[in-house]
Amino acid sequence: MGHVPPPKAEQANKTLKTNLFLVLLSALALAGCEEKAAPVGADTRPVLVIPVHYERLVPDRSLVGVIKPSVEADLGFRVAGKIDRRLVDVGHHVTAGQALATLDPLDLKIQTEQAEAELRASVSVLAQAAAAEKRTVELHAKGWTTNAQVEQARATGEESRARFERAQRALDLARNALSYASLLADADGIVTATNIEPGQVVAAGQSAIRVAHSDEKDVVVSLPETLVERARKNGADTAVKVSLWSAPGKIYTARLRELSPAADPATRTYLAKFALLDGGPDVLLGMTASVILSDTSAKAVTRVPLSALFNQGSGPALYTVDVGSGALTLKPIVVERYETDSVLVASGVEEGESVVTLGVQKLDPHQKVHVVSSLSF
């Protein structure tokens, strides 16, 4: 009689056989999947690409500048006198025609009254001379006066008329001088300096208040002699870019307005003033700015690794990839310059195209590829 295994041992043997069978089925299923997927992987090759980006061979140069007014006028009284009031302080915004300061008008009013009295006197003298001249001419016509008397009467009349005109001009000047007792702003702007105080006696034309015009602003920079020609070309042909240190994300435009013909003897730099074309109220005087100068005559090139270059005797070329379809295109290029680990390409590929960077000797233009990574160089 044979040995009969206990029920628990028999059940364990059945469970083990079932697990082995399931593992075998899983392995066969995976093998079948790999066999079906293998043809797809065999038709496409993974490639690394780099995007094409053109930039100028000579890099842009950034120079530090300061915001200053294009016009800053020192205003002064046109007549001498004692300061009565100063109506503005440094930093005040003023408008054209606004009074900035006044003189004591007492002496100027007296001069005006004197000119008015002189005019009234000349009017009386002129009326008397005109009447005498008229009578003399009438008497001469009747033969009762001589020619000498007529000529004397006419001369007296001419002198009276001249004195009347002189009195009129003197009154106009006196009235103008009285109006000059108020110092007025000649344009909209901001007060940057005050050189007078009430009670001070000033001479005619003496600098009293400095006003910077707010309608135009400049960026003033000191140019090294190597960038003078670039600044001249940039400013004359195209607007240069300007950014403020207080708002680096905003770009303004400017044009060269003034360039010093001689270098500063101490710094050996040339003073240049770029007029801001779109500087608003947010651009304050004294702010620090950066002026970006580009070399407009420099060539635009794109840099690719040496490993991307393909040449089998027909000239240098690059493989470009259509990322969507995986199609390859071999394009001949024009090389500007070779460097240690890269090539500067002048033309042949377009901005934004994807260029294969590795294994180009094993590619075929009719082959399909798929991009597994994109590099930046």
Foldseek 3Di string as FASTA:
>chain_A
DDDDDDPVVVVVVVVVVVVVVVVVVVVVVVVVVCVVCVVVPVQAAAFEWAFWDKDFPDDKDKFKWFKDFPDKDQFFFQAWAFWAFADDDAFDWDFFFDFGTFGDLPVLVVQLVVLVVQLVVLVVQLVVLVVLLVVQVVCVVVVNDDPVSNVVSVVSNVVSVVSNVVSVVSNVVSVVSSVSRTTGDRGTFGWHDADDDGGDIDHRPPGGTMTGHPPKMKIKGWAAPVCPVLLQVCQPPHWWWKAFPVGRVDIWTWHWDDWAPAADPPPRTIITITITPDDDPVRDGGTMMMTITDRPVTAMWTKAWPQQWDDDPPATWWWWADQVFQAIDTWHFDWPDDDDTITTTRDTDDGGIITGRHDPVPDDRRGGYHYPYYDYD
